[in-house]
């Protein structure tokens, strides 16, 4: 099965590790460090032109989406 993240981005649900709300999770220093690490290593894909509301951690990348985490689960 595939998960649609917006702007024609699809990911296989087998590759999804987790779906996280940015507002609730980005306050943690560990999460900030993880997001910065992914960005430095060019593993981030921005699936939206809007302010992202959530991020999806996959086996090989991290994707930002404007959909709320609750809408994706």
PDB file of N, CA and C in Angstrom:
ATOM      1  N   UNK A   1       0.847  -1.162   0.000  1.00  0.00           N
ATOM      2  CA  UNK A   1       0.000   0.000   0.000  1.00  0.00           C
ATOM      3  C   UNK A   1       0.906   1.243   0.000  1.00  0.00           C
ATOM      4  N   UNK A   2       0.392   2.330  -0.525  1.00  0.00           N
ATOM      5  CA  UNK A   2       1.157   3.570  -0.613  1.00  0.00           C
ATOM      6  C   UNK A   2       0.470   4.682   0.172  1.00  0.00           C
ATOM      7  N   UNK A   3       1.276   5.607   0.644  1.00  0.00           N
ATOM      8  CA  UNK A   3       0.800   6.759   1.403  1.00  0.00           C
ATOM      9  C   UNK A   3       1.063   8.005   0.573  1.00  0.00           C
ATOM     10  N   UNK A   4       0.003   8.784   0.300  1.00  0.00           N
ATOM     11  CA  UNK A   4       0.132  10.015  -0.480  1.00  0.00           C
ATOM     12  C   UNK A   4       0.450  11.164   0.463  1.00  0.00           C
ATOM     13  N   UNK A   5       1.564  11.880   0.187  1.00  0.00           N
ATOM     14  CA  UNK A   5       2.014  12.957   1.064  1.00  0.00           C
ATOM     15  C   UNK A   5       1.767  14.339   0.491  1.00  0.00           C
ATOM     16  N   UNK A   6       1.193  14.412  -0.689  1.00  0.00           N
ATOM     17  CA  UNK A   6       0.939  15.704  -1.326  1.00  0.00           C
ATOM     18  C   UNK A   6       1.910  15.971  -2.447  1.00  0.00           C
ATOM     19  N   UNK A   7       1.500  16.835  -3.377  1.00  0.00           N
ATOM     20  CA  UNK A   7       2.328  17.218  -4.527  1.00  0.00           C
ATOM     21  C   UNK A   7       2.908  16.011  -5.268  1.00  0.00           C
ATOM     22  N   UNK A   8       2.094  14.991  -5.449  1.00  0.00           N
ATOM     23  CA  UNK A   8       2.462  13.783  -6.192  1.00  0.00           C
ATOM     24  C   UNK A   8       3.573  12.968  -5.554  1.00  0.00           C
ATOM     25  N   UNK A   9       3.767  13.078  -4.253  1.00  0.00           N
ATOM     26  CA  UNK A   9       4.738  12.261  -3.536  1.00  0.00           C
ATOM     27  C   UNK A   9       4.015  11.083  -2.897  1.00  0.00           C
ATOM     28  N   UNK A  10       4.503   9.889  -3.198  1.00  0.00           N
ATOM     29  CA  UNK A  10       3.970   8.663  -2.631  1.00  0.00           C
ATOM     30  C   UNK A  10       5.111   7.892  -1.990  1.00  0.00           C
ATOM     31  N   UNK A  11       4.838   7.249  -0.862  1.00  0.00           N
ATOM     32  CA  UNK A  11       5.821   6.360  -0.249  1.00  0.00           C
ATOM     33  C   UNK A  11       5.147   5.033   0.051  1.00  0.00           C
ATOM     34  N   UNK A  12       5.911   3.987  -0.065  1.00  0.00           N
ATOM     35  CA  UNK A  12       5.415   2.667   0.274  1.00  0.00           C
ATOM     36  C   UNK A  12       5.284   2.598   1.793  1.00  0.00           C
ATOM     37  N   UNK A  13       4.150   2.137   2.276  1.00  0.00           N
ATOM     38  CA  UNK A  13       3.930   2.079   3.721  1.00  0.00           C
ATOM     39  C   UNK A  13       4.904   1.116   4.405  1.00  0.00           C
ATOM     40  N   UNK A  14       5.482   0.189   3.668  1.00  0.00           N
ATOM     41  CA  UNK A  14       6.486  -0.717   4.236  1.00  0.00           C
ATOM     42  C   UNK A  14       7.761   0.026   4.613  1.00  0.00           C
ATOM     43  N   UNK A  15       8.005   1.170   3.970  1.00  0.00           N
ATOM     44  CA  UNK A  15       9.214   1.952   4.228  1.00  0.00           C
ATOM     45  C   UNK A  15       9.033   2.986   5.332  1.00  0.00           C
ATOM     46  N   UNK A  16       7.798   3.189   5.783  1.00  0.00           N
ATOM     47  CA  UNK A  16       7.513   4.217   6.791  1.00  0.00           C
ATOM     48  C   UNK A  16       7.854   3.694   8.181  1.00  0.00           C
ATOM     49  N   UNK A  17       8.688   4.457   8.883  1.00  0.00           N
ATOM     50  CA  UNK A  17       9.053   4.120  10.264  1.00  0.00           C
ATOM     51  C   UNK A  17       8.123   4.840  11.234  1.00  0.00           C
ATOM     52  N   UNK A  18       7.799   6.111  10.933  1.00  0.00           N
ATOM     53  CA  UNK A  18       6.912   6.857  11.807  1.00  0.00           C
ATOM     54  C   UNK A  18       6.442   8.143  11.180  1.00  0.00           C
ATOM     55  N   UNK A  19       5.312   8.635  11.671  1.00  0.00           N
ATOM     56  CA  UNK A  19       4.727   9.897  11.226  1.00  0.00           C
ATOM     57  C   UNK A  19       4.591  10.773  12.465  1.00  0.00           C
ATOM     58  N   UNK A  20       5.176  11.986  12.403  1.00  0.00           N
ATOM     59  CA  UNK A  20       5.273  12.821  13.589  1.00  0.00           C
ATOM     60  C   UNK A  20       4.752  14.229  13.336  1.00  0.00           C
ATOM     61  N   UNK A  21       4.083  14.782  14.312  1.00  0.00           N
ATOM     62  CA  UNK A  21       3.599  16.158  14.266  1.00  0.00           C
ATOM     63  C   UNK A  21       4.762  17.087  14.611  1.00  0.00           C
ATOM     64  N   UNK A  22       5.037  18.053  13.776  1.00  0.00           N
ATOM     65  CA  UNK A  22       6.180  18.946  13.996  1.00  0.00           C
ATOM     66  C   UNK A  22       6.013  19.765  15.265  1.00  0.00           C
ATOM     67  N   UNK A  23       4.818  20.282  15.492  1.00  0.00           N
ATOM     68  CA  UNK A  23       4.590  21.147  16.650  1.00  0.00           C
ATOM     69  C   UNK A  23       4.863  20.427  17.966  1.00  0.00           C
ATOM     70  N   UNK A  24       4.441  19.177  18.062  1.00  0.00           N
ATOM     71  CA  UNK A  24       4.579  18.438  19.314  1.00  0.00           C
ATOM     72  C   UNK A  24       5.958  17.812  19.502  1.00  0.00           C
ATOM     73  N   UNK A  25       6.651  17.501  18.431  1.00  0.00           N
ATOM     74  CA  UNK A  25       7.908  16.775  18.566  1.00  0.00           C
ATOM     75  C   UNK A  25       9.153  17.630  18.424  1.00  0.00           C
ATOM     76  N   UNK A  26       9.047  18.786  17.809  1.00  0.00           N
ATOM     77  CA  UNK A  26      10.248  19.575  17.551  1.00  0.00           C
ATOM     78  C   UNK A  26      10.755  20.335  18.776  1.00  0.00           C
ATOM     79  N   UNK A  27      10.077  20.239  19.894  1.00  0.00           N
ATOM     80  CA  UNK A  27      10.564  20.886  21.114  1.00  0.00           C
ATOM     81  C   UNK A  27      11.705  20.084  21.751  1.00  0.00           C
ATOM     82  N   UNK A  28      11.798  18.825  21.419  1.00  0.00           N
ATOM     83  CA  UNK A  28      12.840  17.968  21.966  1.00  0.00           C
ATOM     84  C   UNK A  28      14.184  18.245  21.294  1.00  0.00           C
ATOM     85  N   UNK A  29      15.227  18.323  22.086  1.00  0.00           N
ATOM     86  CA  UNK A  29      16.574  18.533  21.546  1.00  0.00           C
ATOM     87  C   UNK A  29      16.995  17.364  20.670  1.00  0.00           C
ATOM     88  N   UNK A  30      16.586  16.147  21.032  1.00  0.00           N
ATOM     89  CA  UNK A  30      16.932  14.964  20.240  1.00  0.00           C
ATOM     90  C   UNK A  30      16.292  15.015  18.858  1.00  0.00           C
ATOM     91  N   UNK A  31      15.045  15.452  18.808  1.00  0.00           N
ATOM     92  CA  UNK A  31      14.361  15.557  17.517  1.00  0.00           C
ATOM     93  C   UNK A  31      15.005  16.625  16.656  1.00  0.00           C
ATOM     94  N   UNK A  32      15.320  17.766  17.250  1.00  0.00           N
ATOM     95  CA  UNK A  32      15.995  18.832  16.492  1.00  0.00           C
ATOM     96  C   UNK A  32      17.317  18.338  15.933  1.00  0.00           C
ATOM     97  N   UNK A  33      18.054  17.606  16.738  1.00  0.00           N
ATOM     98  CA  UNK A  33      19.341  17.051  16.300  1.00  0.00           C
ATOM     99  C   UNK A  33      19.139  16.064  15.145  1.00  0.00           C
ATOM    100  N   UNK A  34      18.115  15.214  15.251  1.00  0.00           N
ATOM    101  CA  UNK A  34      17.819  14.252  14.193  1.00  0.00           C
ATOM    102  C   UNK A  34      17.436  14.957  12.891  1.00  0.00           C
ATOM    103  N   UNK A  35      16.583  15.981  12.975  1.00  0.00           N
ATOM    104  CA  UNK A  35      16.166  16.713  11.778  1.00  0.00           C
ATOM    105  C   UNK A  35      17.347  17.433  11.136  1.00  0.00           C
ATOM    106  N   UNK A  36      18.212  18.023  11.943  1.00  0.00           N
ATOM    107  CA  UNK A  36      19.407  18.678  11.417  1.00  0.00           C
ATOM    108  C   UNK A  36      20.360  17.680  10.771  1.00  0.00           C
ATOM    109  N   UNK A  37      20.512  16.519  11.389  1.00  0.00           N
ATOM    110  CA  UNK A  37      21.372  15.475  10.839  1.00  0.00           C
ATOM    111  C   UNK A  37      20.864  15.013   9.479  1.00  0.00           C
ATOM    112  N   UNK A  38      19.543  14.810   9.386  1.00  0.00           N
ATOM    113  CA  UNK A  38      18.950  14.383   8.111  1.00  0.00           C
ATOM    114  C   UNK A  38      19.145  15.451   7.038  1.00  0.00           C
ATOM    115  N   UNK A  39      19.004  16.709   7.402  1.00  0.00           N
ATOM    116  CA  UNK A  39      19.183  17.803   6.448  1.00  0.00           C
ATOM    117  C   UNK A  39      20.637  17.890   5.985  1.00  0.00           C
ATOM    118  N   UNK A  40      21.577  17.768   6.914  1.00  0.00           N
ATOM    119  CA  UNK A  40      22.999  17.824   6.566  1.00  0.00           C
ATOM    120  C   UNK A  40      23.397  16.712   5.605  1.00  0.00           C
ATOM    121  N   UNK A  41      22.774  15.559   5.774  1.00  0.00           N
ATOM    122  CA  UNK A  41      23.106  14.397   4.955  1.00  0.00           C
ATOM    123  C   UNK A  41      22.214  14.266   3.721  1.00  0.00           C
ATOM    124  N   UNK A  42      21.505  15.344   3.426  1.00  0.00           N
ATOM    125  CA  UNK A  42      20.651  15.421   2.234  1.00  0.00           C
ATOM    126  C   UNK A  42      19.651  14.273   2.138  1.00  0.00           C
ATOM    127  N   UNK A  43      19.025  13.988   3.251  1.00  0.00           N
ATOM    128  CA  UNK A  43      18.006  12.941   3.313  1.00  0.00           C
ATOM    129  C   UNK A  43      16.599  13.505   3.443  1.00  0.00           C
ATOM    130  N   UNK A  44      16.458  14.834   3.308  1.00  0.00           N
ATOM    131  CA  UNK A  44      15.164  15.492   3.497  1.00  0.00           C
ATOM    132  C   UNK A  44      14.529  15.801   2.144  1.00  0.00           C
ATOM    133  N   UNK A  45      13.256  15.472   2.027  1.00  0.00           N
ATOM    134  CA  UNK A  45      12.453  15.811   0.853  1.00  0.00           C
ATOM    135  C   UNK A  45      11.287  16.652   1.347  1.00  0.00           C
ATOM    136  N   UNK A  46      11.129  17.829   0.770  1.00  0.00           N
ATOM    137  CA  UNK A  46      10.023  18.699   1.139  1.00  0.00           C
ATOM    138  C   UNK A  46       8.878  18.456   0.164  1.00  0.00           C
ATOM    139  N   UNK A  47       7.791  17.901   0.648  1.00  0.00           N
ATOM    140  CA  UNK A  47       6.642  17.545  -0.189  1.00  0.00           C
ATOM    141  C   UNK A  47       5.590  18.643  -0.246  1.00  0.00           C
ATOM    142  N   UNK A  48       5.918  19.825   0.221  1.00  0.00           N
ATOM    143  CA  UNK A  48       4.932  20.894   0.272  1.00  0.00           C
ATOM    144  C   UNK A  48       5.573  22.245  -0.016  1.00  0.00           C
ATOM    145  N   UNK A  49       4.768  23.151  -0.515  1.00  0.00           N
ATOM    146  CA  UNK A  49       5.195  24.530  -0.704  1.00  0.00           C
ATOM    147  C   UNK A  49       4.751  25.390   0.477  1.00  0.00           C
ATOM    148  N   UNK A  50       3.954  24.797   1.353  1.00  0.00           N
ATOM    149  CA  UNK A  50       3.436  25.480   2.536  1.00  0.00           C
ATOM    150  C   UNK A  50       4.314  25.150   3.747  1.00  0.00           C
ATOM    151  N   UNK A  51       3.986  25.754   4.878  1.00  0.00           N
ATOM    152  CA  UNK A  51       4.677  25.427   6.119  1.00  0.00           C
ATOM    153  C   UNK A  51       4.338  23.980   6.484  1.00  0.00           C
ATOM    154  N   UNK A  52       5.338  23.125   6.684  1.00  0.00           N
ATOM    155  CA  UNK A  52       5.039  21.728   7.007  1.00  0.00           C
ATOM    156  C   UNK A  52       4.392  21.580   8.381  1.00  0.00           C
ATOM    157  N   UNK A  53       3.477  20.625   8.468  1.00  0.00           N
ATOM    158  CA  UNK A  53       2.793  20.342   9.725  1.00  0.00           C
ATOM    159  C   UNK A  53       3.291  19.043  10.354  1.00  0.00           C
ATOM    160  N   UNK A  54       3.875  18.184   9.517  1.00  0.00           N
ATOM    161  CA  UNK A  54       4.355  16.909  10.032  1.00  0.00           C
ATOM    162  C   UNK A  54       5.541  16.436   9.198  1.00  0.00           C
ATOM    163  N   UNK A  55       6.212  15.432   9.713  1.00  0.00           N
ATOM    164  CA  UNK A  55       7.285  14.804   8.950  1.00  0.00           C
ATOM    165  C   UNK A  55       7.151  13.296   9.051  1.00  0.00           C
ATOM    166  N   UNK A  56       7.571  12.638   7.982  1.00  0.00           N
ATOM    167  CA  UNK A  56       7.479  11.189   7.872  1.00  0.00           C
ATOM    168  C   UNK A  56       8.899  10.649   7.796  1.00  0.00           C
ATOM    169  N   UNK A  57       9.243   9.762   8.709  1.00  0.00           N
ATOM    170  CA  UNK A  57      10.554   9.134   8.707  1.00  0.00           C
ATOM    171  C   UNK A  57      10.421   7.806   7.976  1.00  0.00           C
ATOM    172  N   UNK A  58      11.219   7.666   6.914  1.00  0.00           N
ATOM    173  CA  UNK A  58      11.232   6.435   6.122  1.00  0.00           C
ATOM    174  C   UNK A  58      12.600   5.776   6.251  1.00  0.00           C
ATOM    175  N   UNK A  59      12.742   4.611   5.675  1.00  0.00           N
ATOM    176  CA  UNK A  59      14.001   3.879   5.759  1.00  0.00           C
ATOM    177  C   UNK A  59      15.173   4.662   5.188  1.00  0.00           C
ATOM    178  N   UNK A  60      14.943   5.418   4.120  1.00  0.00           N
ATOM    179  CA  UNK A  60      16.062   6.086   3.460  1.00  0.00           C
ATOM    180  C   UNK A  60      15.941   7.601   3.374  1.00  0.00           C
ATOM    181  N   UNK A  61      14.890   8.190   3.968  1.00  0.00           N
ATOM    182  CA  UNK A  61      14.744   9.640   3.896  1.00  0.00           C
ATOM    183  C   UNK A  61      13.770  10.143   4.950  1.00  0.00           C
ATOM    184  N   UNK A  62      13.680  11.454   5.009  1.00  0.00           N
ATOM    185  CA  UNK A  62      12.735  12.139   5.882  1.00  0.00           C
ATOM    186  C   UNK A  62      11.945  13.090   4.992  1.00  0.00           C
ATOM    187  N   UNK A  63      10.622  13.060   5.101  1.00  0.00           N
ATOM    188  CA  UNK A  63       9.784  13.869   4.234  1.00  0.00           C
ATOM    189  C   UNK A  63       8.944  14.834   5.057  1.00  0.00           C
ATOM    190  N   UNK A  64       8.943  16.108   4.658  1.00  0.00           N
ATOM    191  CA  UNK A  64       8.081  17.108   5.265  1.00  0.00           C
ATOM    192  C   UNK A  64       6.802  17.203   4.446  1.00  0.00           C
ATOM    193  N   UNK A  65       5.660  17.280   5.125  1.00  0.00           N
ATOM    194  CA  UNK A  65       4.380  17.400   4.440  1.00  0.00           C
ATOM    195  C   UNK A  65       3.495  18.419   5.150  1.00  0.00           C
ATOM    196  N   UNK A  66       2.580  19.005   4.376  1.00  0.00           N
ATOM    197  CA  UNK A  66       1.661  19.985   4.966  1.00  0.00           C
ATOM    198  C   UNK A  66       0.430  19.313   5.563  1.00  0.00           C
ATOM    199  N   UNK A  67       0.297  18.011   5.391  1.00  0.00           N
ATOM    200  CA  UNK A  67      -0.813  17.285   6.004  1.00  0.00           C
ATOM    201  C   UNK A  67      -0.524  17.074   7.480  1.00  0.00           C
ATOM    202  N   UNK A  68      -1.565  17.138   8.295  1.00  0.00           N
ATOM    203  CA  UNK A  68      -1.416  16.878   9.723  1.00  0.00           C
ATOM    204  C   UNK A  68      -1.117  15.401   9.936  1.00  0.00           C
ATOM    205  N   UNK A  69      -0.361  15.102  10.956  1.00  0.00           N
ATOM    206  CA  UNK A  69       0.010  13.707  11.252  1.00  0.00           C
ATOM    207  C   UNK A  69      -1.225  12.839  11.445  1.00  0.00           C
ATOM    208  N   UNK A  70      -2.256  13.382  12.090  1.00  0.00           N
ATOM    209  CA  UNK A  70      -3.496  12.618  12.297  1.00  0.00           C
ATOM    210  C   UNK A  70      -4.171  12.254  10.980  1.00  0.00           C
ATOM    211  N   UNK A  71      -4.043  13.105   9.969  1.00  0.00           N
ATOM    212  CA  UNK A  71      -4.656  12.831   8.676  1.00  0.00           C
ATOM    213  C   UNK A  71      -3.914  11.732   7.921  1.00  0.00           C
ATOM    214  N   UNK A  72      -2.642  11.534   8.226  1.00  0.00           N
ATOM    215  CA  UNK A  72      -1.840  10.549   7.521  1.00  0.00           C
ATOM    216  C   UNK A  72      -1.906   9.169   8.138  1.00  0.00           C
ATOM    217  N   UNK A  73      -2.335   9.083   9.396  1.00  0.00           N
ATOM    218  CA  UNK A  73      -2.346   7.777  10.070  1.00  0.00           C
ATOM    219  C   UNK A  73      -3.653   7.075   9.920  1.00  0.00           C
TER     220      UNK A  73
END
